[in-house]
Structures are given as structure tokens and as C-alpha cells.
N, C-alpha and C. Protein backbone atom coordinates (compact mmCIF):
# COMPACT_ATOMS: atom_id res chain seq x y z
N UNK A 1 -10.27 15.86 16.41
CA UNK A 1 -9.09 14.65 16.38
C UNK A 1 -10.11 14.27 17.25
N UNK A 2 -10.19 12.31 16.78
CA UNK A 2 -10.40 11.45 17.87
C UNK A 2 -9.20 11.26 18.67
N UNK A 3 -9.78 10.74 19.86
CA UNK A 3 -9.02 10.44 20.93
C UNK A 3 -8.62 8.92 21.05
N UNK A 4 -9.31 8.18 20.07
CA UNK A 4 -9.48 6.81 19.55
C UNK A 4 -8.08 6.84 18.96
N UNK A 5 -7.75 7.71 18.17
CA UNK A 5 -6.12 7.62 17.07
C UNK A 5 -5.03 6.97 17.89
N UNK A 6 -5.02 7.45 19.30
CA UNK A 6 -3.98 7.94 20.12
C UNK A 6 -3.97 7.70 21.22
N UNK A 7 -3.23 6.99 22.11
CA UNK A 7 -3.26 6.33 23.84
C UNK A 7 -3.24 7.43 24.82
N UNK A 8 -4.52 7.54 25.36
CA UNK A 8 -4.29 8.49 26.50
C UNK A 8 -3.15 9.13 27.34
N UNK A 9 -2.32 8.40 27.14
CA UNK A 9 -1.41 8.52 28.03
C UNK A 9 0.06 9.79 26.83
N UNK A 10 -0.55 8.97 25.31
CA UNK A 10 0.06 10.43 24.18
C UNK A 10 -0.58 11.97 24.17
N UNK A 11 -2.36 11.70 24.33
CA UNK A 11 -2.60 12.58 23.45
C UNK A 11 -2.31 13.21 23.79
N UNK A 12 -1.30 14.29 24.70
CA UNK A 12 -1.13 15.53 24.79
C UNK A 12 -0.10 15.82 23.99
N UNK A 13 1.32 14.48 24.07
CA UNK A 13 1.92 14.61 22.59
C UNK A 13 1.53 14.47 21.17
N UNK A 14 0.58 14.39 20.94
CA UNK A 14 0.20 14.41 19.64
C UNK A 14 -0.70 15.29 19.26
N UNK A 15 -1.26 16.11 20.60
CA UNK A 15 -1.38 18.10 19.72
C UNK A 15 -0.32 18.60 19.78
N UNK A 16 0.78 18.08 20.86
CA UNK A 16 1.82 18.71 20.35
C UNK A 16 2.43 19.30 18.58
N UNK A 17 2.22 18.07 18.51
CA UNK A 17 2.75 17.67 17.07
C UNK A 17 1.70 18.04 16.15
N UNK A 18 0.53 17.73 16.22
CA UNK A 18 -0.50 18.16 15.55
C UNK A 18 0.09 20.21 15.10
N UNK A 19 0.13 20.79 16.61
CA UNK A 19 -0.40 22.42 16.31
C UNK A 19 1.67 22.89 15.68
N UNK A 20 2.48 21.81 16.07
CA UNK A 20 3.97 22.29 15.12
C UNK A 20 3.93 21.67 13.80
N UNK A 21 2.94 20.90 13.21
CA UNK A 21 2.55 20.93 12.28
C UNK A 21 2.17 21.65 11.31
N UNK A 22 0.85 22.44 12.22
CA UNK A 22 0.52 23.40 11.62
C UNK A 22 1.30 24.79 11.63
N UNK A 23 1.96 24.81 12.55
CA UNK A 23 2.42 26.09 12.46
C UNK A 23 3.83 26.23 11.51
N UNK A 24 4.57 24.71 11.21
CA UNK A 24 5.90 24.64 10.22
C UNK A 24 4.68 24.90 8.83
N UNK A 25 3.62 24.52 8.82
CA UNK A 25 2.91 24.11 7.32
C UNK A 25 2.75 25.84 6.99
N UNK A 26 2.43 26.68 7.77
CA UNK A 26 2.26 28.08 7.25
C UNK A 26 3.32 28.80 7.17
N UNK A 27 4.27 28.56 7.81
CA UNK A 27 5.75 29.29 7.81
C UNK A 27 5.88 28.88 6.42
N UNK A 28 5.86 27.61 6.15
CA UNK A 28 6.72 27.23 5.33
C UNK A 28 5.61 27.73 3.62
N UNK A 29 4.26 28.55 3.95
CA UNK A 29 3.80 28.35 2.94
C UNK A 29 4.21 30.40 2.86
N UNK A 30 4.94 30.80 3.74
CA UNK A 30 5.07 32.11 3.67
C UNK A 30 6.36 32.41 2.96
N UNK A 31 7.01 31.71 3.34
CA UNK A 31 8.59 31.18 2.55
C UNK A 31 8.25 31.24 1.23
N UNK A 32 7.61 30.01 1.08
CA UNK A 32 7.72 30.01 -0.78
C UNK A 32 7.14 31.30 -1.20
N UNK A 33 5.81 31.82 -0.29
CA UNK A 33 5.61 32.97 -1.14
C UNK A 33 6.26 34.29 -1.20
N UNK A 34 7.08 34.13 -0.67
CA UNK A 34 8.48 35.36 -1.16
C UNK A 34 10.20 34.64 -1.23
N UNK A 35 9.26 33.31 -1.94
CA UNK A 35 10.40 32.56 -2.58
C UNK A 35 12.02 31.89 -2.28
N UNK A 36 11.55 32.34 -0.99
CA UNK A 36 12.75 31.73 0.34
C UNK A 36 12.84 30.12 0.45
N UNK A 37 13.08 28.89 -0.70
CA UNK A 37 13.19 28.14 -0.86
C UNK A 37 13.42 27.41 0.31
N UNK A 38 14.90 27.58 0.84
CA UNK A 38 15.73 26.99 1.67
C UNK A 38 15.21 26.81 3.03
N UNK A 39 14.07 28.17 3.24
CA UNK A 39 13.86 27.84 4.70
C UNK A 39 12.41 27.14 4.66
N UNK A 40 11.54 27.16 3.44
CA UNK A 40 10.75 26.54 3.25
C UNK A 40 10.45 25.13 3.85
N UNK A 41 12.18 24.33 2.52
CA UNK A 41 12.47 23.25 2.76
C UNK A 41 13.18 22.96 4.13
N UNK A 42 13.49 23.60 4.92
CA UNK A 42 13.77 23.45 6.80
C UNK A 42 12.65 23.24 7.14
N UNK A 43 11.76 23.72 6.86
CA UNK A 43 9.52 24.10 7.50
C UNK A 43 9.02 22.86 7.53
N UNK A 44 9.38 22.38 6.06
CA UNK A 44 9.63 21.04 5.55
C UNK A 44 9.67 20.08 5.58
N UNK A 45 11.02 20.09 6.10
CA UNK A 45 11.68 19.34 6.94
C UNK A 45 11.05 18.67 8.29
N UNK A 46 10.68 19.43 9.02
CA UNK A 46 9.88 19.80 10.75
C UNK A 46 8.50 19.16 10.36
N UNK A 47 8.12 19.88 9.70
CA UNK A 47 7.03 18.60 9.30
C UNK A 47 6.76 17.65 9.21
N UNK A 48 7.71 16.76 8.71
CA UNK A 48 8.11 15.47 8.25
C UNK A 48 8.01 15.00 9.27
N UNK A 49 9.08 15.62 10.21
CA UNK A 49 9.15 15.17 11.49
C UNK A 49 8.12 15.16 12.43
N UNK A 50 7.05 16.23 12.82
CA UNK A 50 6.09 16.19 13.26
C UNK A 50 5.09 14.73 12.66
N UNK A 51 4.85 14.69 11.36
CA UNK A 51 4.08 13.72 10.79
C UNK A 51 5.11 12.01 11.40
N UNK A 52 6.14 11.99 10.95
CA UNK A 52 6.64 10.51 11.68
C UNK A 52 6.74 10.28 12.71
N UNK A 53 6.18 11.77 13.83
CA UNK A 53 5.98 11.14 15.18
C UNK A 53 4.68 10.97 15.65
N UNK A 54 4.08 11.62 15.04
CA UNK A 54 2.15 11.37 14.78
C UNK A 54 2.23 9.41 14.28
N UNK A 55 2.78 9.22 13.42
CA UNK A 55 2.31 8.09 12.72
C UNK A 55 2.88 7.12 13.85
N UNK A 56 4.01 7.58 14.61
CA UNK A 56 4.81 6.51 15.84
C UNK A 56 3.77 5.90 17.20
N UNK A 57 2.30 7.46 17.30
CA UNK A 57 2.36 7.81 18.10
C UNK A 57 0.63 6.62 17.80
N UNK A 58 0.07 6.89 16.76
CA UNK A 58 -0.86 5.90 16.21
C UNK A 58 -0.30 4.30 16.25
N UNK A 59 0.44 4.12 15.91
CA UNK A 59 0.67 2.51 15.71
C UNK A 59 0.66 2.27 16.98
N UNK A 60 1.62 2.84 18.33
CA UNK A 60 1.69 2.29 19.44
C UNK A 60 0.48 2.22 20.02
N UNK A 61 -0.73 2.91 19.39
CA UNK A 61 -2.03 2.59 19.77
C UNK A 61 -2.97 1.38 19.73
N UNK A 62 -2.10 1.36 18.31
CA UNK A 62 -2.80 0.61 17.04
C UNK A 62 -2.28 -1.09 17.61
N UNK A 63 -1.07 -1.01 18.46
CA UNK A 63 -0.41 -2.55 19.02
C UNK A 63 -1.32 -1.72 20.32
N UNK A 64 -0.94 -1.31 20.96
CA UNK A 64 -1.72 -1.26 21.88
C UNK A 64 -3.42 -2.07 22.71
N UNK A 65 -4.28 -2.10 20.72
CA UNK A 65 -4.73 -2.43 20.92
C UNK A 65 -4.89 -4.24 20.70
N UNK A 66 -4.14 -4.14 19.93
CA UNK A 66 -3.85 -5.59 19.06
C UNK A 66 -4.11 -6.54 20.59
N UNK A 67 -2.92 -6.11 21.50
CA UNK A 67 -2.78 -6.83 22.61
C UNK A 67 -3.75 -6.82 23.83
N UNK A 68 -4.89 -5.80 23.43
CA UNK A 68 -5.92 -5.91 24.25
C UNK A 68 -6.63 -6.95 24.21
N UNK A 69 -6.97 -6.69 22.55
CA UNK A 69 -7.67 -7.99 21.96
C UNK A 69 -7.75 -9.02 22.41
N UNK A 70 -6.13 -9.31 21.91
CA UNK A 70 -5.85 -10.89 22.24
C UNK A 70 -6.10 -11.15 23.71
N UNK A 71 -5.63 -10.81 24.60
CA UNK A 71 -5.73 -10.90 25.98
C UNK A 71 -7.60 -10.81 26.07
N UNK A 72 -8.45 -10.33 25.89
CA UNK A 72 -10.22 -10.81 25.62
C UNK A 72 -10.38 -12.12 24.97
N UNK A 73 -10.15 -12.17 23.73
CA UNK A 73 -9.79 -13.64 23.27
C UNK A 73 -9.52 -14.43 24.26
N UNK A 74 -8.56 -14.46 24.64
CA UNK A 74 -7.80 -15.89 25.32
C UNK A 74 -8.62 -15.80 26.82
N UNK A 75 -9.25 -14.37 26.90
CA UNK A 75 -10.09 -14.72 28.79
C UNK A 75 -11.43 -15.19 28.13
N UNK A 76 -12.21 -14.83 26.35
CA UNK A 76 -13.00 -15.75 26.28
C UNK A 76 -13.09 -17.62 26.29
N UNK A 77 -11.99 -17.24 25.71
CA UNK A 77 -12.01 -19.21 25.49
C UNK A 77 -11.53 -19.55 26.60
N UNK A 78 -10.84 -18.92 27.73
CA UNK A 78 -10.90 -19.70 29.09
C UNK A 78 -12.46 -19.83 29.68
N UNK A 79 -13.39 -18.13 29.56
CA UNK A 79 -14.49 -18.90 29.96
C UNK A 79 -14.85 -20.25 29.79
N UNK A 80 -14.85 -20.34 27.68
CA UNK A 80 -15.85 -21.33 27.57
C UNK A 80 -15.45 -22.83 28.01
N UNK A 81 -14.42 -22.77 27.85
CA UNK A 81 -13.54 -23.94 28.23
C UNK A 81 -13.57 -24.26 29.55
N UNK A 82 -13.42 -23.11 30.81
CA UNK A 82 -13.80 -23.59 32.25
C UNK A 82 -15.40 -23.84 31.96
N UNK A 83 -16.76 -23.45 31.21
CA UNK A 83 -17.82 -23.76 31.57
C UNK A 83 -18.18 -25.22 30.80
N UNK A 84 -17.18 -25.48 30.13
CA UNK A 84 -17.96 -26.94 29.21
C UNK A 84 -17.23 -27.75 30.46
N UNK A 85 -15.91 -27.54 30.78
CA UNK A 85 -15.65 -28.50 32.35
C UNK A 85 -16.28 -28.91 34.08
N UNK A 86 -17.16 -28.00 33.53
CA UNK A 86 -18.17 -27.64 34.60
C UNK A 86 -17.81 -27.30 35.97
């Protein structure tokens, strides 16, 4: 997993959700193999929750990146304006 997908402050939460997803996936497959569909479905619901949380963390990073890029652009424009003003 690339560190660039999540904020550094969210990295440990992301790892926790990835590991949880893998655990739920493995258990869902085990329950499917013995035809315990209700139990497999419960694990799939947990997988969905983990995936939704990972997407939320990813979105948070994307918003932070957009804000940072906007600030950098504003700073660059201000630098150019100041250079022309002398």
C-alpha cells in the first residue's frame, strides 16, 4: 500500500481497516464453503464497512491535497504579483 493514498495521521487506521477487511474476507469464504450463508453475509457487511472507511480516509487525503495545491498556487501567484510590483 502506498503511503500517498492516506494522510500520515490516518495511516495506522487504514492499515487496521485493511487487515480487518482481509480477516472478514477469509471468514466469509470459510462460511460460504460450508453453506453458512447468513454468517458469510455478516462478514460481507463488515467488509463493506471497512471498505467505506478506507474510501473515507482516501477522500480525506484527496481534499487535503487539493487544499494544499490551492494554497501553493495562491502563494505562487502572490510571488509573481510582488515581483512585478518591484
